[in-house]
């Protein structure tokens, strides 16, 4: 601070620039970090990046059992498993976001970052 209790603008700008750089680096790291979710005891696995974008989907052939019911029932079951796996992966991605971005949000005075889940 400069005399009179006013904050030093140059110092504030430097802090803001550093926080912006740290945030950009954390967002880049999230975009490059794979996070997996699964459903049906691992019969369906979804991979998202740390930002929550779906990157991959693996369906074990055992998840589609033609003897287990009608084609309609199998399709519905498979859709439910895929949805559950994607939701599981996204929940893990949100936890990762909080780990990586939470400390940066604290630097903003605890108000968080608009649009982020914390």
PDB file of N, CA and C in Angstrom:
ATOM      1  N   UNK A   1       0.839  -1.181   0.000  1.00  0.00           N
ATOM      2  CA  UNK A   1       0.000   0.000   0.000  1.00  0.00           C
ATOM      3  C   UNK A   1       0.877   1.235   0.000  1.00  0.00           C
ATOM      4  N   UNK A   2       0.342   2.248  -0.606  1.00  0.00           N
ATOM      5  CA  UNK A   2       1.038   3.530  -0.596  1.00  0.00           C
ATOM      6  C   UNK A   2       0.505   4.340   0.574  1.00  0.00           C
ATOM      7  N   UNK A   3       1.216   5.403   0.965  1.00  0.00           N
ATOM      8  CA  UNK A   3       0.743   6.205   2.099  1.00  0.00           C
ATOM      9  C   UNK A   3      -0.693   6.659   1.882  1.00  0.00           C
ATOM     10  N   UNK A   4      -1.454   6.693   2.952  1.00  0.00           N
ATOM     11  CA  UNK A   4      -2.854   7.075   2.868  1.00  0.00           C
ATOM     12  C   UNK A   4      -3.773   5.867   2.804  1.00  0.00           C
ATOM     13  N   UNK A   5      -3.203   4.660   2.823  1.00  0.00           N
ATOM     14  CA  UNK A   5      -4.008   3.452   2.850  1.00  0.00           C
ATOM     15  C   UNK A   5      -4.499   2.973   1.498  1.00  0.00           C
ATOM     16  N   UNK A   6      -4.082   3.609   0.409  1.00  0.00           N
ATOM     17  CA  UNK A   6      -4.526   3.190  -0.922  1.00  0.00           C
ATOM     18  C   UNK A   6      -3.649   2.034  -1.420  1.00  0.00           C
ATOM     19  N   UNK A   7      -4.263   1.046  -2.045  1.00  0.00           N
ATOM     20  CA  UNK A   7      -3.467  -0.065  -2.577  1.00  0.00           C
ATOM     21  C   UNK A   7      -2.618   0.393  -3.766  1.00  0.00           C
ATOM     22  N   UNK A   8      -1.481  -0.218  -3.908  1.00  0.00           N
ATOM     23  CA  UNK A   8      -0.584   0.062  -5.017  1.00  0.00           C
ATOM     24  C   UNK A   8      -1.168  -0.594  -6.270  1.00  0.00           C
ATOM     25  N   UNK A   9      -1.580   0.213  -7.262  1.00  0.00           N
ATOM     26  CA  UNK A   9      -2.236  -0.311  -8.462  1.00  0.00           C
ATOM     27  C   UNK A   9      -1.325  -1.245  -9.242  1.00  0.00           C
ATOM     28  N   UNK A  10      -0.053  -0.931  -9.311  1.00  0.00           N
ATOM     29  CA  UNK A  10       0.886  -1.787 -10.044  1.00  0.00           C
ATOM     30  C   UNK A  10       0.941  -3.169  -9.397  1.00  0.00           C
ATOM     31  N   UNK A  11       0.974  -3.184  -8.082  1.00  0.00           N
ATOM     32  CA  UNK A  11       1.013  -4.452  -7.355  1.00  0.00           C
ATOM     33  C   UNK A  11      -0.284  -5.236  -7.579  1.00  0.00           C
ATOM     34  N   UNK A  12      -1.419  -4.553  -7.550  1.00  0.00           N
ATOM     35  CA  UNK A  12      -2.701  -5.216  -7.789  1.00  0.00           C
ATOM     36  C   UNK A  12      -2.764  -5.794  -9.195  1.00  0.00           C
ATOM     37  N   UNK A  13      -2.272  -5.058 -10.172  1.00  0.00           N
ATOM     38  CA  UNK A  13      -2.266  -5.547 -11.549  1.00  0.00           C
ATOM     39  C   UNK A  13      -1.378  -6.774 -11.694  1.00  0.00           C
ATOM     40  N   UNK A  14      -0.229  -6.762 -11.041  1.00  0.00           N
ATOM     41  CA  UNK A  14       0.669  -7.912 -11.094  1.00  0.00           C
ATOM     42  C   UNK A  14       0.017  -9.142 -10.465  1.00  0.00           C
ATOM     43  N   UNK A  15      -0.654  -8.947  -9.338  1.00  0.00           N
ATOM     44  CA  UNK A  15      -1.342 -10.062  -8.689  1.00  0.00           C
ATOM     45  C   UNK A  15      -2.448 -10.610  -9.584  1.00  0.00           C
ATOM     46  N   UNK A  16      -3.191  -9.724 -10.221  1.00  0.00           N
ATOM     47  CA  UNK A  16      -4.277 -10.149 -11.109  1.00  0.00           C
ATOM     48  C   UNK A  16      -3.727 -10.913 -12.310  1.00  0.00           C
ATOM     49  N   UNK A  17      -2.613 -10.448 -12.859  1.00  0.00           N
ATOM     50  CA  UNK A  17      -2.004 -11.140 -13.995  1.00  0.00           C
ATOM     51  C   UNK A  17      -1.506 -12.521 -13.597  1.00  0.00           C
ATOM     52  N   UNK A  18      -0.914 -12.628 -12.410  1.00  0.00           N
ATOM     53  CA  UNK A  18      -0.432 -13.928 -11.950  1.00  0.00           C
ATOM     54  C   UNK A  18      -1.602 -14.883 -11.738  1.00  0.00           C
ATOM     55  N   UNK A  19      -2.676 -14.387 -11.140  1.00  0.00           N
ATOM     56  CA  UNK A  19      -3.848 -15.236 -10.926  1.00  0.00           C
ATOM     57  C   UNK A  19      -4.433 -15.683 -12.264  1.00  0.00           C
ATOM     58  N   UNK A  20      -4.445 -14.798 -13.240  1.00  0.00           N
ATOM     59  CA  UNK A  20      -4.960 -15.138 -14.562  1.00  0.00           C
ATOM     60  C   UNK A  20      -4.087 -16.219 -15.206  1.00  0.00           C
ATOM     61  N   UNK A  21      -2.769 -16.092 -15.068  1.00  0.00           N
ATOM     62  CA  UNK A  21      -1.855 -17.099 -15.609  1.00  0.00           C
ATOM     63  C   UNK A  21      -2.036 -18.436 -14.896  1.00  0.00           C
ATOM     64  N   UNK A  22      -2.169 -18.398 -13.576  1.00  0.00           N
ATOM     65  CA  UNK A  22      -2.367 -19.627 -12.802  1.00  0.00           C
ATOM     66  C   UNK A  22      -3.679 -20.305 -13.189  1.00  0.00           C
ATOM     67  N   UNK A  23      -4.718 -19.512 -13.382  1.00  0.00           N
ATOM     68  CA  UNK A  23      -6.018 -20.052 -13.775  1.00  0.00           C
ATOM     69  C   UNK A  23      -5.938 -20.692 -15.158  1.00  0.00           C
ATOM     70  N   UNK A  24      -5.285 -20.026 -16.092  1.00  0.00           N
ATOM     71  CA  UNK A  24      -5.145 -20.572 -17.445  1.00  0.00           C
ATOM     72  C   UNK A  24      -4.359 -21.881 -17.419  1.00  0.00           C
ATOM     73  N   UNK A  25      -3.307 -21.936 -16.608  1.00  0.00           N
ATOM     74  CA  UNK A  25      -2.509 -23.161 -16.501  1.00  0.00           C
ATOM     75  C   UNK A  25      -3.333 -24.296 -15.896  1.00  0.00           C
ATOM     76  N   UNK A  26      -4.123 -23.992 -14.875  1.00  0.00           N
ATOM     77  CA  UNK A  26      -4.962 -25.017 -14.243  1.00  0.00           C
ATOM     78  C   UNK A  26      -6.032 -25.507 -15.211  1.00  0.00           C
ATOM     79  N   UNK A  27      -6.621 -24.600 -15.985  1.00  0.00           N
ATOM     80  CA  UNK A  27      -7.635 -25.002 -16.960  1.00  0.00           C
ATOM     81  C   UNK A  27      -7.025 -25.875 -18.050  1.00  0.00           C
ATOM     82  N   UNK A  28      -5.821 -25.559 -18.476  1.00  0.00           N
ATOM     83  CA  UNK A  28      -5.134 -26.370 -19.484  1.00  0.00           C
ATOM     84  C   UNK A  28      -4.849 -27.761 -18.931  1.00  0.00           C
ATOM     85  N   UNK A  29      -4.405 -27.809 -17.682  1.00  0.00           N
ATOM     86  CA  UNK A  29      -4.134 -29.102 -17.049  1.00  0.00           C
ATOM     87  C   UNK A  29      -5.416 -29.930 -16.956  1.00  0.00           C
ATOM     88  N   UNK A  30      -6.520 -29.297 -16.607  1.00  0.00           N
ATOM     89  CA  UNK A  30      -7.801 -30.004 -16.542  1.00  0.00           C
ATOM     90  C   UNK A  30      -8.191 -30.556 -17.912  1.00  0.00           C
ATOM     91  N   UNK A  31      -7.997 -29.763 -18.949  1.00  0.00           N
ATOM     92  CA  UNK A  31      -8.375 -30.187 -20.297  1.00  0.00           C
ATOM     93  C   UNK A  31      -7.563 -31.395 -20.755  1.00  0.00           C
ATOM     94  N   UNK A  32      -6.376 -31.574 -20.180  1.00  0.00           N
ATOM     95  CA  UNK A  32      -5.490 -32.665 -20.583  1.00  0.00           C
ATOM     96  C   UNK A  32      -5.541 -33.864 -19.636  1.00  0.00           C
ATOM     97  N   UNK A  33      -6.316 -33.775 -18.564  1.00  0.00           N
ATOM     98  CA  UNK A  33      -6.352 -34.838 -17.567  1.00  0.00           C
ATOM     99  C   UNK A  33      -7.561 -35.742 -17.785  1.00  0.00           C
ATOM    100  N   UNK A  34      -7.325 -37.031 -18.097  1.00  0.00           N
ATOM    101  CA  UNK A  34      -8.456 -37.943 -18.266  1.00  0.00           C
ATOM    102  C   UNK A  34      -9.022 -38.382 -16.914  1.00  0.00           C
ATOM    103  N   UNK A  35     -10.347 -38.479 -16.851  1.00  0.00           N
ATOM    104  CA  UNK A  35     -11.045 -38.918 -15.645  1.00  0.00           C
ATOM    105  C   UNK A  35     -12.034 -39.989 -16.084  1.00  0.00           C
ATOM    106  N   UNK A  36     -12.061 -41.111 -15.359  1.00  0.00           N
ATOM    107  CA  UNK A  36     -12.916 -42.225 -15.762  1.00  0.00           C
ATOM    108  C   UNK A  36     -14.066 -42.430 -14.793  1.00  0.00           C
ATOM    109  N   UNK A  37     -15.186 -42.835 -15.347  1.00  0.00           N
ATOM    110  CA  UNK A  37     -16.347 -43.237 -14.562  1.00  0.00           C
ATOM    111  C   UNK A  37     -16.846 -44.556 -15.108  1.00  0.00           C
ATOM    112  N   UNK A  38     -17.589 -45.293 -14.297  1.00  0.00           N
ATOM    113  CA  UNK A  38     -18.083 -46.584 -14.773  1.00  0.00           C
ATOM    114  C   UNK A  38     -19.463 -46.865 -14.209  1.00  0.00           C
ATOM    115  N   UNK A  39     -20.096 -47.870 -14.805  1.00  0.00           N
ATOM    116  CA  UNK A  39     -21.417 -48.306 -14.350  1.00  0.00           C
ATOM    117  C   UNK A  39     -21.556 -49.792 -14.657  1.00  0.00           C
ATOM    118  N   UNK A  40     -22.509 -50.407 -13.985  1.00  0.00           N
ATOM    119  CA  UNK A  40     -22.758 -51.825 -14.226  1.00  0.00           C
ATOM    120  C   UNK A  40     -21.584 -52.699 -13.841  1.00  0.00           C
ATOM    121  N   UNK A  41     -20.908 -52.327 -12.761  1.00  0.00           N
ATOM    122  CA  UNK A  41     -19.761 -53.128 -12.333  1.00  0.00           C
ATOM    123  C   UNK A  41     -18.617 -53.096 -13.327  1.00  0.00           C
ATOM    124  N   UNK A  42     -18.497 -51.996 -14.063  1.00  0.00           N
ATOM    125  CA  UNK A  42     -17.408 -51.852 -15.025  1.00  0.00           C
ATOM    126  C   UNK A  42     -17.776 -52.284 -16.436  1.00  0.00           C
ATOM    127  N   UNK A  43     -19.034 -52.661 -16.660  1.00  0.00           N
ATOM    128  CA  UNK A  43     -19.448 -53.059 -18.008  1.00  0.00           C
ATOM    129  C   UNK A  43     -19.416 -51.881 -18.979  1.00  0.00           C
ATOM    130  N   UNK A  44     -19.644 -50.686 -18.461  1.00  0.00           N
ATOM    131  CA  UNK A  44     -19.581 -49.475 -19.285  1.00  0.00           C
ATOM    132  C   UNK A  44     -18.638 -48.498 -18.594  1.00  0.00           C
ATOM    133  N   UNK A  45     -17.660 -48.002 -19.361  1.00  0.00           N
ATOM    134  CA  UNK A  45     -16.693 -47.041 -18.828  1.00  0.00           C
ATOM    135  C   UNK A  45     -16.689 -45.805 -19.715  1.00  0.00           C
ATOM    136  N   UNK A  46     -16.782 -44.664 -19.078  1.00  0.00           N
ATOM    137  CA  UNK A  46     -16.739 -43.387 -19.790  1.00  0.00           C
ATOM    138  C   UNK A  46     -15.503 -42.622 -19.340  1.00  0.00           C
ATOM    139  N   UNK A  47     -14.843 -41.990 -20.286  1.00  0.00           N
ATOM    140  CA  UNK A  47     -13.694 -41.153 -19.975  1.00  0.00           C
ATOM    141  C   UNK A  47     -14.012 -39.728 -20.405  1.00  0.00           C
ATOM    142  N   UNK A  48     -13.840 -38.806 -19.471  1.00  0.00           N
ATOM    143  CA  UNK A  48     -13.995 -37.383 -19.760  1.00  0.00           C
ATOM    144  C   UNK A  48     -12.680 -36.707 -19.414  1.00  0.00           C
ATOM    145  N   UNK A  49     -12.487 -35.495 -19.929  1.00  0.00           N
ATOM    146  CA  UNK A  49     -11.327 -34.750 -19.461  1.00  0.00           C
ATOM    147  C   UNK A  49     -11.739 -34.000 -18.201  1.00  0.00           C
ATOM    148  N   UNK A  50     -10.784 -33.351 -17.572  1.00  0.00           N
ATOM    149  CA  UNK A  50     -11.071 -32.658 -16.321  1.00  0.00           C
ATOM    150  C   UNK A  50     -12.068 -31.527 -16.461  1.00  0.00           C
ATOM    151  N   UNK A  51     -12.346 -31.119 -17.693  1.00  0.00           N
ATOM    152  CA  UNK A  51     -13.358 -30.093 -17.943  1.00  0.00           C
ATOM    153  C   UNK A  51     -14.737 -30.699 -18.145  1.00  0.00           C
ATOM    154  N   UNK A  52     -14.814 -32.038 -18.156  1.00  0.00           N
ATOM    155  CA  UNK A  52     -16.097 -32.716 -18.286  1.00  0.00           C
ATOM    156  C   UNK A  52     -16.490 -33.081 -19.706  1.00  0.00           C
ATOM    157  N   UNK A  53     -15.593 -32.911 -20.672  1.00  0.00           N
ATOM    158  CA  UNK A  53     -15.902 -33.256 -22.057  1.00  0.00           C
ATOM    159  C   UNK A  53     -15.678 -34.748 -22.268  1.00  0.00           C
ATOM    160  N   UNK A  54     -16.676 -35.423 -22.837  1.00  0.00           N
ATOM    161  CA  UNK A  54     -16.588 -36.858 -23.087  1.00  0.00           C
ATOM    162  C   UNK A  54     -15.481 -37.136 -24.093  1.00  0.00           C
ATOM    163  N   UNK A  55     -14.549 -38.014 -23.725  1.00  0.00           N
ATOM    164  CA  UNK A  55     -13.407 -38.340 -24.571  1.00  0.00           C
ATOM    165  C   UNK A  55     -13.474 -39.768 -25.107  1.00  0.00           C
ATOM    166  N   UNK A  56     -14.126 -40.655 -24.356  1.00  0.00           N
ATOM    167  CA  UNK A  56     -14.174 -42.045 -24.786  1.00  0.00           C
ATOM    168  C   UNK A  56     -15.255 -42.811 -24.061  1.00  0.00           C
ATOM    169  N   UNK A  57     -15.672 -43.902 -24.690  1.00  0.00           N
ATOM    170  CA  UNK A  57     -16.709 -44.748 -24.121  1.00  0.00           C
ATOM    171  C   UNK A  57     -16.385 -46.186 -24.483  1.00  0.00           C
ATOM    172  N   UNK A  58     -16.323 -47.061 -23.476  1.00  0.00           N
ATOM    173  CA  UNK A  58     -16.042 -48.472 -23.701  1.00  0.00           C
ATOM    174  C   UNK A  58     -17.206 -49.277 -23.149  1.00  0.00           C
ATOM    175  N   UNK A  59     -17.759 -50.139 -24.006  1.00  0.00           N
ATOM    176  CA  UNK A  59     -18.880 -50.981 -23.600  1.00  0.00           C
ATOM    177  C   UNK A  59     -18.451 -52.433 -23.730  1.00  0.00           C
ATOM    178  N   UNK A  60     -18.446 -53.133 -22.611  1.00  0.00           N
ATOM    179  CA  UNK A  60     -18.123 -54.557 -22.609  1.00  0.00           C
ATOM    180  C   UNK A  60     -19.249 -55.295 -23.337  1.00  0.00           C
ATOM    181  N   UNK A  61     -18.912 -56.220 -24.229  1.00  0.00           N
ATOM    182  CA  UNK A  61     -19.955 -56.971 -24.936  1.00  0.00           C
ATOM    183  C   UNK A  61     -20.948 -57.667 -24.003  1.00  0.00           C
ATOM    184  N   UNK A  62     -20.523 -57.957 -22.784  1.00  0.00           N
ATOM    185  CA  UNK A  62     -21.426 -58.594 -21.819  1.00  0.00           C
ATOM    186  C   UNK A  62     -22.580 -57.667 -21.429  1.00  0.00           C
ATOM    187  N   UNK A  63     -22.413 -56.363 -21.678  1.00  0.00           N
ATOM    188  CA  UNK A  63     -23.471 -55.410 -21.340  1.00  0.00           C
ATOM    189  C   UNK A  63     -24.679 -55.576 -22.260  1.00  0.00           C
ATOM    190  N   UNK A  64     -24.452 -56.187 -23.422  1.00  0.00           N
ATOM    191  CA  UNK A  64     -25.534 -56.422 -24.379  1.00  0.00           C
ATOM    192  C   UNK A  64     -25.757 -57.928 -24.449  1.00  0.00           C
ATOM    193  N   UNK A  65     -26.736 -58.404 -23.710  1.00  0.00           N
ATOM    194  CA  UNK A  65     -27.026 -59.838 -23.652  1.00  0.00           C
ATOM    195  C   UNK A  65     -28.341 -60.102 -24.379  1.00  0.00           C
ATOM    196  N   UNK A  66     -28.263 -60.644 -25.604  1.00  0.00           N
ATOM    197  CA  UNK A  66     -29.485 -60.857 -26.376  1.00  0.00           C
ATOM    198  C   UNK A  66     -30.461 -61.833 -25.717  1.00  0.00           C
ATOM    199  N   UNK A  67     -29.979 -62.623 -24.794  1.00  0.00           N
ATOM    200  CA  UNK A  67     -30.851 -63.587 -24.124  1.00  0.00           C
ATOM    201  C   UNK A  67     -31.514 -62.996 -22.880  1.00  0.00           C
ATOM    202  N   UNK A  68     -31.123 -61.790 -22.503  1.00  0.00           N
ATOM    203  CA  UNK A  68     -31.618 -61.197 -21.260  1.00  0.00           C
ATOM    204  C   UNK A  68     -32.967 -60.514 -21.422  1.00  0.00           C
ATOM    205  N   UNK A  69     -33.399 -60.264 -22.615  1.00  0.00           N
ATOM    206  CA  UNK A  69     -34.681 -59.594 -22.819  1.00  0.00           C
ATOM    207  C   UNK A  69     -34.842 -59.192 -24.264  1.00  0.00           C
ATOM    208  N   UNK A  70     -35.816 -58.358 -24.508  1.00  0.00           N
ATOM    209  CA  UNK A  70     -36.048 -57.890 -25.874  1.00  0.00           C
ATOM    210  C   UNK A  70     -34.969 -56.891 -26.274  1.00  0.00           C
ATOM    211  N   UNK A  71     -34.873 -56.650 -27.560  1.00  0.00           N
ATOM    212  CA  UNK A  71     -33.902 -55.673 -28.053  1.00  0.00           C
ATOM    213  C   UNK A  71     -34.191 -54.301 -27.457  1.00  0.00           C
ATOM    214  N   UNK A  72     -35.459 -53.986 -27.305  1.00  0.00           N
ATOM    215  CA  UNK A  72     -35.856 -52.709 -26.720  1.00  0.00           C
ATOM    216  C   UNK A  72     -35.373 -52.593 -25.272  1.00  0.00           C
ATOM    217  N   UNK A  73     -35.557 -53.658 -24.504  1.00  0.00           N
ATOM    218  CA  UNK A  73     -35.116 -53.662 -23.101  1.00  0.00           C
ATOM    219  C   UNK A  73     -33.602 -53.556 -23.012  1.00  0.00           C
ATOM    220  N   UNK A  74     -32.901 -54.277 -23.891  1.00  0.00           N
ATOM    221  CA  UNK A  74     -31.440 -54.220 -23.890  1.00  0.00           C
ATOM    222  C   UNK A  74     -30.941 -52.821 -24.238  1.00  0.00           C
ATOM    223  N   UNK A  75     -31.578 -52.198 -25.214  1.00  0.00           N
ATOM    224  CA  UNK A  75     -31.177 -50.842 -25.607  1.00  0.00           C
ATOM    225  C   UNK A  75     -31.409 -49.866 -24.462  1.00  0.00           C
ATOM    226  N   UNK A  76     -32.523 -50.015 -23.771  1.00  0.00           N
ATOM    227  CA  UNK A  76     -32.830 -49.134 -22.642  1.00  0.00           C
ATOM    228  C   UNK A  76     -31.833 -49.337 -21.504  1.00  0.00           C
ATOM    229  N   UNK A  77     -31.517 -50.586 -21.215  1.00  0.00           N
ATOM    230  CA  UNK A  77     -30.544 -50.888 -20.161  1.00  0.00           C
ATOM    231  C   UNK A  77     -29.179 -50.319 -20.519  1.00  0.00           C
ATOM    232  N   UNK A  78     -28.767 -50.512 -21.765  1.00  0.00           N
ATOM    233  CA  UNK A  78     -27.473 -50.000 -22.200  1.00  0.00           C
ATOM    234  C   UNK A  78     -27.435 -48.474 -22.117  1.00  0.00           C
ATOM    235  N   UNK A  79     -28.506 -47.826 -22.531  1.00  0.00           N
ATOM    236  CA  UNK A  79     -28.572 -46.363 -22.444  1.00  0.00           C
ATOM    237  C   UNK A  79     -28.454 -45.908 -20.992  1.00  0.00           C
ATOM    238  N   UNK A  80     -29.117 -46.610 -20.080  1.00  0.00           N
ATOM    239  CA  UNK A  80     -29.032 -46.268 -18.655  1.00  0.00           C
ATOM    240  C   UNK A  80     -27.607 -46.425 -18.137  1.00  0.00           C
ATOM    241  N   UNK A  81     -26.935 -47.502 -18.557  1.00  0.00           N
ATOM    242  CA  UNK A  81     -25.555 -47.735 -18.117  1.00  0.00           C
ATOM    243  C   UNK A  81     -24.615 -46.656 -18.659  1.00  0.00           C
ATOM    244  N   UNK A  82     -24.795 -46.287 -19.915  1.00  0.00           N
ATOM    245  CA  UNK A  82     -23.955 -45.241 -20.509  1.00  0.00           C
ATOM    246  C   UNK A  82     -24.159 -43.924 -19.770  1.00  0.00           C
ATOM    247  N   UNK A  83     -25.406 -43.574 -19.539  1.00  0.00           N
ATOM    248  CA  UNK A  83     -25.714 -42.336 -18.825  1.00  0.00           C
ATOM    249  C   UNK A  83     -25.097 -42.339 -17.426  1.00  0.00           C
ATOM    250  N   UNK A  84     -25.218 -43.457 -16.726  1.00  0.00           N
ATOM    251  CA  UNK A  84     -24.659 -43.556 -15.373  1.00  0.00           C
ATOM    252  C   UNK A  84     -23.138 -43.439 -15.392  1.00  0.00           C
ATOM    253  N   UNK A  85     -22.484 -44.059 -16.377  1.00  0.00           N
ATOM    254  CA  UNK A  85     -21.026 -43.992 -16.465  1.00  0.00           C
ATOM    255  C   UNK A  85     -20.562 -42.567 -16.755  1.00  0.00           C
ATOM    256  N   UNK A  86     -21.265 -41.875 -17.647  1.00  0.00           N
ATOM    257  CA  UNK A  86     -20.901 -40.491 -17.972  1.00  0.00           C
ATOM    258  C   UNK A  86     -21.110 -39.593 -16.757  1.00  0.00           C
ATOM    259  N   UNK A  87     -22.206 -39.797 -16.053  1.00  0.00           N
ATOM    260  CA  UNK A  87     -22.455 -38.993 -14.842  1.00  0.00           C
ATOM    261  C   UNK A  87     -21.384 -39.255 -13.786  1.00  0.00           C
ATOM    262  N   UNK A  88     -20.978 -40.503 -13.645  1.00  0.00           N
ATOM    263  CA  UNK A  88     -19.934 -40.857 -12.682  1.00  0.00           C
ATOM    264  C   UNK A  88     -18.622 -40.163 -13.053  1.00  0.00           C
ATOM    265  N   UNK A  89     -18.284 -40.197 -14.330  1.00  0.00           N
ATOM    266  CA  UNK A  89     -17.055 -39.543 -14.782  1.00  0.00           C
ATOM    267  C   UNK A  89     -17.128 -38.035 -14.568  1.00  0.00           C
ATOM    268  N   UNK A  90     -18.279 -37.439 -14.854  1.00  0.00           N
ATOM    269  CA  UNK A  90     -18.428 -35.994 -14.661  1.00  0.00           C
ATOM    270  C   UNK A  90     -18.353 -35.606 -13.189  1.00  0.00           C
ATOM    271  N   UNK A  91     -18.868 -36.451 -12.309  1.00  0.00           N
ATOM    272  CA  UNK A  91     -18.762 -36.174 -10.872  1.00  0.00           C
ATOM    273  C   UNK A  91     -17.293 -36.169 -10.451  1.00  0.00           C
ATOM    274  N   UNK A  92     -16.524 -37.109 -10.979  1.00  0.00           N
ATOM    275  CA  UNK A  92     -15.089 -37.148 -10.677  1.00  0.00           C
ATOM    276  C   UNK A  92     -14.380 -35.931 -11.265  1.00  0.00           C
ATOM    277  N   UNK A  93     -14.803 -35.508 -12.450  1.00  0.00           N
ATOM    278  CA  UNK A  93     -14.203 -34.322 -13.070  1.00  0.00           C
ATOM    279  C   UNK A  93     -14.485 -33.079 -12.233  1.00  0.00           C
ATOM    280  N   UNK A  94     -15.688 -32.979 -11.670  1.00  0.00           N
ATOM    281  CA  UNK A  94     -16.012 -31.825 -10.821  1.00  0.00           C
ATOM    282  C   UNK A  94     -15.157 -31.818  -9.561  1.00  0.00           C
ATOM    283  N   UNK A  95     -14.902 -32.996  -8.998  1.00  0.00           N
ATOM    284  CA  UNK A  95     -14.023 -33.066  -7.827  1.00  0.00           C
ATOM    285  C   UNK A  95     -12.622 -32.593  -8.196  1.00  0.00           C
ATOM    286  N   UNK A  96     -12.152 -33.016  -9.368  1.00  0.00           N
ATOM    287  CA  UNK A  96     -10.830 -32.596  -9.829  1.00  0.00           C
ATOM    288  C   UNK A  96     -10.792 -31.084 -10.045  1.00  0.00           C
ATOM    289  N   UNK A  97     -11.867 -30.526 -10.601  1.00  0.00           N
ATOM    290  CA  UNK A  97     -11.942 -29.075 -10.789  1.00  0.00           C
ATOM    291  C   UNK A  97     -11.831 -28.353  -9.453  1.00  0.00           C
ATOM    292  N   UNK A  98     -12.511 -28.862  -8.448  1.00  0.00           N
ATOM    293  CA  UNK A  98     -12.450 -28.222  -7.133  1.00  0.00           C
ATOM    294  C   UNK A  98     -11.051 -28.301  -6.553  1.00  0.00           C
ATOM    295  N   UNK A  99     -10.368 -29.430  -6.769  1.00  0.00           N
ATOM    296  CA  UNK A  99      -9.004 -29.568  -6.266  1.00  0.00           C
ATOM    297  C   UNK A  99      -8.062 -28.586  -6.954  1.00  0.00           C
ATOM    298  N   UNK A 100      -8.207 -28.463  -8.270  1.00  0.00           N
ATOM    299  CA  UNK A 100      -7.275 -27.640  -9.045  1.00  0.00           C
ATOM    300  C   UNK A 100      -7.620 -26.154  -9.007  1.00  0.00           C
ATOM    301  N   UNK A 101      -8.914 -25.830  -9.049  1.00  0.00           N
ATOM    302  CA  UNK A 101      -9.313 -24.434  -9.165  1.00  0.00           C
ATOM    303  C   UNK A 101      -9.746 -23.816  -7.841  1.00  0.00           C
ATOM    304  N   UNK A 102     -10.082 -24.648  -6.868  1.00  0.00           N
ATOM    305  CA  UNK A 102     -10.527 -24.137  -5.576  1.00  0.00           C
ATOM    306  C   UNK A 102      -9.539 -23.188  -4.926  1.00  0.00           C
ATOM    307  N   UNK A 103      -8.256 -23.566  -4.855  1.00  0.00           N
ATOM    308  CA  UNK A 103      -7.285 -22.644  -4.249  1.00  0.00           C
ATOM    309  C   UNK A 103      -7.183 -21.315  -5.000  1.00  0.00           C
ATOM    310  N   UNK A 104      -7.375 -21.348  -6.309  1.00  0.00           N
ATOM    311  CA  UNK A 104      -7.332 -20.101  -7.079  1.00  0.00           C
ATOM    312  C   UNK A 104      -8.540 -19.238  -6.762  1.00  0.00           C
ATOM    313  N   UNK A 105      -9.687 -19.867  -6.547  1.00  0.00           N
ATOM    314  CA  UNK A 105     -10.898 -19.119  -6.203  1.00  0.00           C
ATOM    315  C   UNK A 105     -10.738 -18.451  -4.840  1.00  0.00           C
ATOM    316  N   UNK A 106     -10.024 -19.104  -3.930  1.00  0.00           N
ATOM    317  CA  UNK A 106      -9.784 -18.510  -2.617  1.00  0.00           C
ATOM    318  C   UNK A 106      -9.005 -17.210  -2.764  1.00  0.00           C
ATOM    319  N   UNK A 107      -8.124 -17.155  -3.755  1.00  0.00           N
ATOM    320  CA  UNK A 107      -7.344 -15.951  -4.003  1.00  0.00           C
ATOM    321  C   UNK A 107      -8.186 -14.797  -4.511  1.00  0.00           C
ATOM    322  N   UNK A 108      -9.421 -15.094  -4.918  1.00  0.00           N
ATOM    323  CA  UNK A 108     -10.320 -14.042  -5.386  1.00  0.00           C
ATOM    324  C   UNK A 108     -11.165 -13.486  -4.254  1.00  0.00           C
ATOM    325  N   UNK A 109     -10.807 -13.824  -3.035  1.00  0.00           N
ATOM    326  CA  UNK A 109     -11.553 -13.322  -1.890  1.00  0.00           C
ATOM    327  C   UNK A 109     -12.642 -14.268  -1.436  1.00  0.00           C
ATOM    328  N   UNK A 110     -12.571 -15.524  -1.897  1.00  0.00           N
ATOM    329  CA  UNK A 110     -13.544 -16.517  -1.453  1.00  0.00           C
ATOM    330  C   UNK A 110     -14.863 -16.453  -2.184  1.00  0.00           C
ATOM    331  N   UNK A 111     -14.995 -15.539  -3.133  1.00  0.00           N
ATOM    332  CA  UNK A 111     -16.246 -15.416  -3.869  1.00  0.00           C
ATOM    333  C   UNK A 111     -16.396 -16.440  -4.967  1.00  0.00           C
ATOM    334  N   UNK A 112     -15.336 -17.180  -5.248  1.00  0.00           N
ATOM    335  CA  UNK A 112     -15.409 -18.176  -6.303  1.00  0.00           C
ATOM    336  C   UNK A 112     -15.291 -17.548  -7.679  1.00  0.00           C
ATOM    337  N   UNK A 113     -15.378 -18.405  -8.658  1.00  0.00           N
ATOM    338  CA  UNK A 113     -15.299 -17.981 -10.043  1.00  0.00           C
ATOM    339  C   UNK A 113     -16.654 -18.244 -10.677  1.00  0.00           C
ATOM    340  N   UNK A 114     -17.297 -17.240 -11.246  1.00  0.00           N
ATOM    341  CA  UNK A 114     -18.621 -17.451 -11.844  1.00  0.00           C
ATOM    342  C   UNK A 114     -18.586 -18.570 -12.876  1.00  0.00           C
ATOM    343  N   UNK A 115     -19.581 -19.450 -12.805  1.00  0.00           N
ATOM    344  CA  UNK A 115     -19.677 -20.538 -13.760  1.00  0.00           C
ATOM    345  C   UNK A 115     -18.998 -21.811 -13.317  1.00  0.00           C
ATOM    346  N   UNK A 116     -18.274 -21.762 -12.215  1.00  0.00           N
ATOM    347  CA  UNK A 116     -17.619 -22.960 -11.713  1.00  0.00           C
ATOM    348  C   UNK A 116     -18.361 -23.455 -10.480  1.00  0.00           C
ATOM    349  N   UNK A 117     -18.351 -24.775 -10.272  1.00  0.00           N
ATOM    350  CA  UNK A 117     -19.178 -25.360  -9.206  1.00  0.00           C
ATOM    351  C   UNK A 117     -18.606 -25.243  -7.800  1.00  0.00           C
ATOM    352  N   UNK A 118     -18.048 -24.107  -7.429  1.00  0.00           N
ATOM    353  CA  UNK A 118     -17.577 -23.909  -6.058  1.00  0.00           C
ATOM    354  C   UNK A 118     -17.517 -22.451  -5.729  1.00  0.00           C
TER     355      UNK A 118
END
